[in-house]
């Protein structure tokens, strides 16, 4: 079943009663929140979640997410993505240890929450710090990978050097965004993290990844503790230009 776009696709975000009803509604199998709220409201209320309940995520739901992910565009239809779904607690703990180790390298570059210049920055840093201690609270991990054997002329014959990295990594991220949006549509929270990529040599033996497959992003997934809502973003006029850089879009 495709996403049904309503004429009134984006109800007022101030309608809190309706929003709470949609977020808390228990979905029947095969039914998506996007069928009710519209595609654009799903986009407008997709945000990162780092805290999850222990409610299980069904096989059917995981398949729907991955079906959405694989529909992403890719250069020459190479479809260079691959996904490893991880539910086993021991495996999640092993990956959480890799994440914590990578966070130890990255943390100095993020800064101290007490030194944040805004409340939003402070909250983000607090949440990021907490995640390092609680990665495996997410009931499902999806390790999103690049499969170099799919790249054809975009990689050298020995699969060692990618000739068009922006194209191929961009394709994997397009698949990840499809997955994240589908998760929002099914009432799931998610957050992608790239930290484990820094230590992919430690991830590979945990997941049995072959040499030609590399981690791009680890998506943590589950039913969220918290509410969906509009993410904090810069105003559109700060990032758009008409015809040439510096000319405002009307």
Protein backbone atom coordinates (compact mmCIF):
# COMPACT_ATOMS: atom_id res chain seq x y z
CA UNK A 1 0.00 0.00 0.00
CA UNK A 2 1.44 3.35 -0.99
CA UNK A 3 1.47 6.47 1.10
CA UNK A 4 -1.79 8.34 0.67
CA UNK A 5 -1.30 12.08 0.39
CA UNK A 6 -4.20 14.01 1.87
CA UNK A 7 -5.23 17.34 0.46
CA UNK A 8 -4.63 18.81 3.89
CA UNK A 9 -1.25 17.16 4.27
CA UNK A 10 0.13 19.24 7.11
CA UNK A 11 -2.31 19.88 9.95
CA UNK A 12 -1.40 22.67 12.32
CA UNK A 13 1.46 21.58 14.54
CA UNK A 14 -0.31 23.36 17.38
CA UNK A 15 -3.09 20.79 17.36
CA UNK A 16 -1.51 18.91 20.28
CA UNK A 17 -4.51 16.74 21.05
CA UNK A 18 -4.58 15.24 17.56
CA UNK A 19 -0.79 14.87 17.51
CA UNK A 20 -0.82 12.95 20.80
CA UNK A 21 -3.55 10.68 19.47
CA UNK A 22 -1.55 9.88 16.34
CA UNK A 23 1.68 9.26 18.19
CA UNK A 24 0.10 6.99 20.82
CA UNK A 25 -2.19 5.10 18.48
CA UNK A 26 -1.45 1.40 18.33
CA UNK A 27 -1.09 0.53 14.68
CA UNK A 28 -2.73 -2.52 13.19
CA UNK A 29 -0.32 -4.75 11.25
CA UNK A 30 0.40 -3.28 7.86
CA UNK A 31 -0.92 0.15 8.74
CA UNK A 32 1.28 3.24 8.72
CA UNK A 33 0.90 6.52 10.56
CA UNK A 34 1.77 8.23 7.27
CA UNK A 35 -1.53 6.93 5.88
CA UNK A 36 -3.22 9.20 8.42
CA UNK A 37 -0.98 12.24 8.80
CA UNK A 38 0.35 12.61 5.26
CA UNK A 39 3.86 12.33 3.91
CA UNK A 40 4.86 15.93 4.57
CA UNK A 41 3.81 15.89 8.19
CA UNK A 42 5.85 12.73 8.64
CA UNK A 43 8.84 14.60 7.22
CA UNK A 44 8.14 17.67 9.35
CA UNK A 45 7.92 15.67 12.59
CA UNK A 46 10.77 13.22 12.05
CA UNK A 47 13.43 13.75 14.69
CA UNK A 48 16.25 11.78 16.29
CA UNK A 49 15.44 9.66 19.33
CA UNK A 50 18.10 8.28 21.66
CA UNK A 51 15.85 6.73 24.31
CA UNK A 52 13.55 3.79 23.65
CA UNK A 53 11.02 1.59 25.38
CA UNK A 54 11.58 -2.16 25.56
CA UNK A 55 8.57 -2.87 23.33
CA UNK A 56 9.50 -5.39 20.63
CA UNK A 57 9.63 -4.41 16.97
CA UNK A 58 7.95 -7.01 14.78
CA UNK A 59 9.54 -8.80 11.83
CA UNK A 60 6.86 -7.32 9.59
CA UNK A 61 7.78 -3.82 10.69
CA UNK A 62 11.49 -4.40 10.04
CA UNK A 63 10.70 -5.73 6.56
CA UNK A 64 8.60 -2.65 5.78
CA UNK A 65 11.45 -0.37 6.81
CA UNK A 66 13.95 -2.23 4.66
CA UNK A 67 11.57 -2.30 1.70
CA UNK A 68 11.41 1.49 1.95
CA UNK A 69 15.19 1.73 2.24
CA UNK A 70 15.86 -0.34 -0.87
CA UNK A 71 13.64 1.89 -3.02
CA UNK A 72 16.20 4.72 -2.81
CA UNK A 73 17.90 6.00 -5.98
CA UNK A 74 21.48 5.03 -6.77
CA UNK A 75 23.99 5.69 -9.58
CA UNK A 76 23.48 3.28 -12.51
CA UNK A 77 20.92 1.55 -10.29
CA UNK A 78 23.85 -0.08 -8.53
CA UNK A 79 21.93 -0.38 -5.24
CA UNK A 80 25.20 -0.56 -3.29
CA UNK A 81 23.61 -0.83 0.15
CA UNK A 82 23.33 -3.79 2.48
CA UNK A 83 21.72 -4.06 5.91
CA UNK A 84 22.48 -6.20 8.93
CA UNK A 85 19.59 -6.31 11.43
CA UNK A 86 20.76 -6.96 14.98
CA UNK A 87 18.44 -7.92 17.82
CA UNK A 88 20.60 -10.32 19.82
CA UNK A 89 21.46 -8.66 23.17
CA UNK A 90 25.03 -9.98 23.22
CA UNK A 91 25.76 -8.66 19.74
CA UNK A 92 24.19 -5.31 20.60
CA UNK A 93 26.36 -5.11 23.70
CA UNK A 94 29.47 -5.84 21.64
CA UNK A 95 28.60 -3.06 19.20
CA UNK A 96 27.79 -0.76 22.12
CA UNK A 97 31.31 -1.33 23.43
CA UNK A 98 32.73 -0.36 20.04
CA UNK A 99 30.53 2.74 20.04
CA UNK A 100 31.71 3.73 23.53
CA UNK A 101 35.33 3.31 22.48
CA UNK A 102 34.78 5.45 19.37
CA UNK A 103 32.98 8.05 21.49
CA UNK A 104 36.07 8.24 23.67
CA UNK A 105 37.99 9.44 20.61
CA UNK A 106 35.28 11.82 19.40
CA UNK A 107 34.04 13.32 22.67
CA UNK A 108 36.73 16.04 22.98
CA UNK A 109 35.63 17.46 19.64
CA UNK A 110 31.98 17.74 20.70
CA UNK A 111 32.57 19.75 23.84
CA UNK A 112 31.27 19.81 27.39
CA UNK A 113 27.50 20.31 27.89
CA UNK A 114 28.29 22.84 30.62
CA UNK A 115 30.10 24.97 28.03
CA UNK A 116 27.20 25.00 25.55
CA UNK A 117 26.18 28.39 24.20
CA UNK A 118 22.46 27.56 23.99
CA UNK A 119 19.95 25.33 25.71
CA UNK A 120 19.39 23.35 22.51
CA UNK A 121 23.13 22.70 22.19
CA UNK A 122 23.35 21.69 25.85
CA UNK A 123 20.46 19.24 25.50
CA UNK A 124 22.00 17.73 22.37
CA UNK A 125 25.35 17.23 24.10
CA UNK A 126 23.70 15.71 27.18
CA UNK A 127 21.74 13.28 24.98
CA UNK A 128 24.84 12.40 22.96
CA UNK A 129 26.85 11.75 26.11
CA UNK A 130 24.08 9.59 27.54
CA UNK A 131 23.83 7.56 24.35
CA UNK A 132 27.40 6.37 24.76
CA UNK A 133 26.36 4.67 28.01
CA UNK A 134 23.06 3.28 26.75
CA UNK A 135 23.42 2.39 23.06
CA UNK A 136 22.18 -1.15 23.56
CA UNK A 137 18.91 0.06 25.12
CA UNK A 138 17.65 0.31 21.54
CA UNK A 139 15.98 -3.06 20.86
CA UNK A 140 17.02 -3.10 17.20
CA UNK A 141 20.22 -2.06 15.45
CA UNK A 142 20.43 -1.83 11.68
CA UNK A 143 24.00 -1.67 10.43
CA UNK A 144 23.80 0.10 7.07
CA UNK A 145 26.65 -0.89 4.81
CA UNK A 146 28.26 -0.15 1.47
CA UNK A 147 28.84 -3.24 -0.68
CA UNK A 148 31.74 -2.39 -3.00
CA UNK A 149 31.07 -5.43 -5.18
CA UNK A 150 27.96 -3.61 -6.46
CA UNK A 151 29.83 -0.56 -7.77
CA UNK A 152 30.97 -1.73 -11.21
CA UNK A 153 32.97 1.02 -12.96
CA UNK A 154 32.78 3.23 -9.86
CA UNK A 155 35.45 1.18 -8.08
CA UNK A 156 38.82 -0.22 -9.11
CA UNK A 157 38.89 -3.93 -10.07
CA UNK A 158 40.44 -4.86 -6.72
CA UNK A 159 37.52 -3.07 -4.96
CA UNK A 160 40.03 -1.00 -2.98
CA UNK A 161 39.51 2.51 -4.39
CA UNK A 162 36.10 4.08 -4.90
CA UNK A 163 36.22 6.41 -7.90
CA UNK A 164 32.97 8.28 -7.22
CA UNK A 165 32.68 8.36 -3.42
CA UNK A 166 30.12 11.16 -3.25
CA UNK A 167 27.79 9.20 -5.53
CA UNK A 168 28.03 5.84 -3.81
CA UNK A 169 28.00 7.01 -0.19
CA UNK A 170 25.23 9.43 -1.10
CA UNK A 171 23.18 6.49 -2.35
CA UNK A 172 23.54 4.67 0.96
CA UNK A 173 22.47 7.78 2.86
CA UNK A 174 19.44 8.13 0.58
CA UNK A 175 18.46 4.59 1.59
CA UNK A 176 19.01 5.48 5.25
CA UNK A 177 16.75 8.52 4.96
CA UNK A 178 14.04 6.34 3.42
CA UNK A 179 14.44 3.98 6.37
CA UNK A 180 14.23 6.82 8.91
CA UNK A 181 11.14 8.30 7.30
CA UNK A 182 9.47 4.89 7.15
CA UNK A 183 10.29 4.44 10.84
CA UNK A 184 8.55 7.73 11.60
CA UNK A 185 5.58 6.58 9.55
CA UNK A 186 5.29 3.41 11.63
CA UNK A 187 5.57 5.25 14.93
CA UNK A 188 9.17 4.20 15.59
CA UNK A 189 11.98 6.39 16.82
CA UNK A 190 15.46 6.15 15.34
CA UNK A 191 18.85 7.79 15.31
CA UNK A 192 21.71 7.17 12.87
CA UNK A 193 25.26 7.28 14.19
CA UNK A 194 28.48 7.07 12.22
CA UNK A 195 30.85 6.62 15.17
CA UNK A 196 31.20 2.86 14.78
CA UNK A 197 32.48 3.48 11.26
CA UNK A 198 35.63 4.91 12.87
CA UNK A 199 36.35 1.42 14.23
CA UNK A 200 34.93 -0.68 11.41
CA UNK A 201 37.84 -3.09 11.77
CA UNK A 202 36.27 -4.05 15.11
CA UNK A 203 32.72 -4.10 13.76
CA UNK A 204 33.52 -6.45 10.88
CA UNK A 205 34.34 -9.55 12.95
CA UNK A 206 31.34 -8.99 15.23
CA UNK A 207 28.96 -9.00 12.26
CA UNK A 208 30.96 -11.23 9.93
CA UNK A 209 31.24 -8.54 7.26
CA UNK A 210 33.36 -9.55 4.25
CA UNK A 211 36.27 -7.36 3.15
CA UNK A 212 34.30 -5.68 0.37
CA UNK A 213 31.53 -4.53 2.75
CA UNK A 214 32.00 -1.54 5.06
CA UNK A 215 29.88 0.13 7.72
CA UNK A 216 28.42 3.49 6.72
CA UNK A 217 26.02 4.14 9.60
CA UNK A 218 24.49 2.30 12.53
CA UNK A 219 20.79 3.06 13.00
CA UNK A 220 19.36 2.56 16.49
CA UNK A 221 15.67 1.79 16.37
CA UNK A 222 12.71 1.23 18.68
CA UNK A 223 9.52 2.72 20.04
CA UNK A 224 10.54 6.09 21.45
CA UNK A 225 10.44 7.58 24.90
CA UNK A 226 9.36 11.06 23.95
CA UNK A 227 7.23 12.81 21.40
CA UNK A 228 7.51 13.35 17.70
CA UNK A 229 7.68 16.97 16.67
CA UNK A 230 9.43 19.47 14.42
CA UNK A 231 13.23 19.28 14.63
CA UNK A 232 15.29 22.43 15.19
CA UNK A 233 16.58 23.61 11.83
CA UNK A 234 18.01 26.80 10.36
CA UNK A 235 15.58 29.05 8.48
CA UNK A 236 15.17 28.18 4.81
CA UNK A 237 16.39 31.60 3.70
CA UNK A 238 19.79 30.93 5.29
CA UNK A 239 20.47 28.00 2.99
CA UNK A 240 18.75 28.75 -0.32
CA UNK A 241 19.84 30.83 -3.28
CA UNK A 242 18.21 31.75 -6.58
CA UNK A 243 20.18 31.26 -9.81
CA UNK A 244 23.51 32.05 -8.11
CA UNK A 245 25.02 32.06 -4.62
CA UNK A 246 23.98 35.00 -2.50
CA UNK A 247 20.80 35.84 -4.39
CA UNK A 248 17.79 35.20 -2.15
CA UNK A 249 15.04 32.88 -3.27
CA UNK A 250 11.77 34.77 -3.64
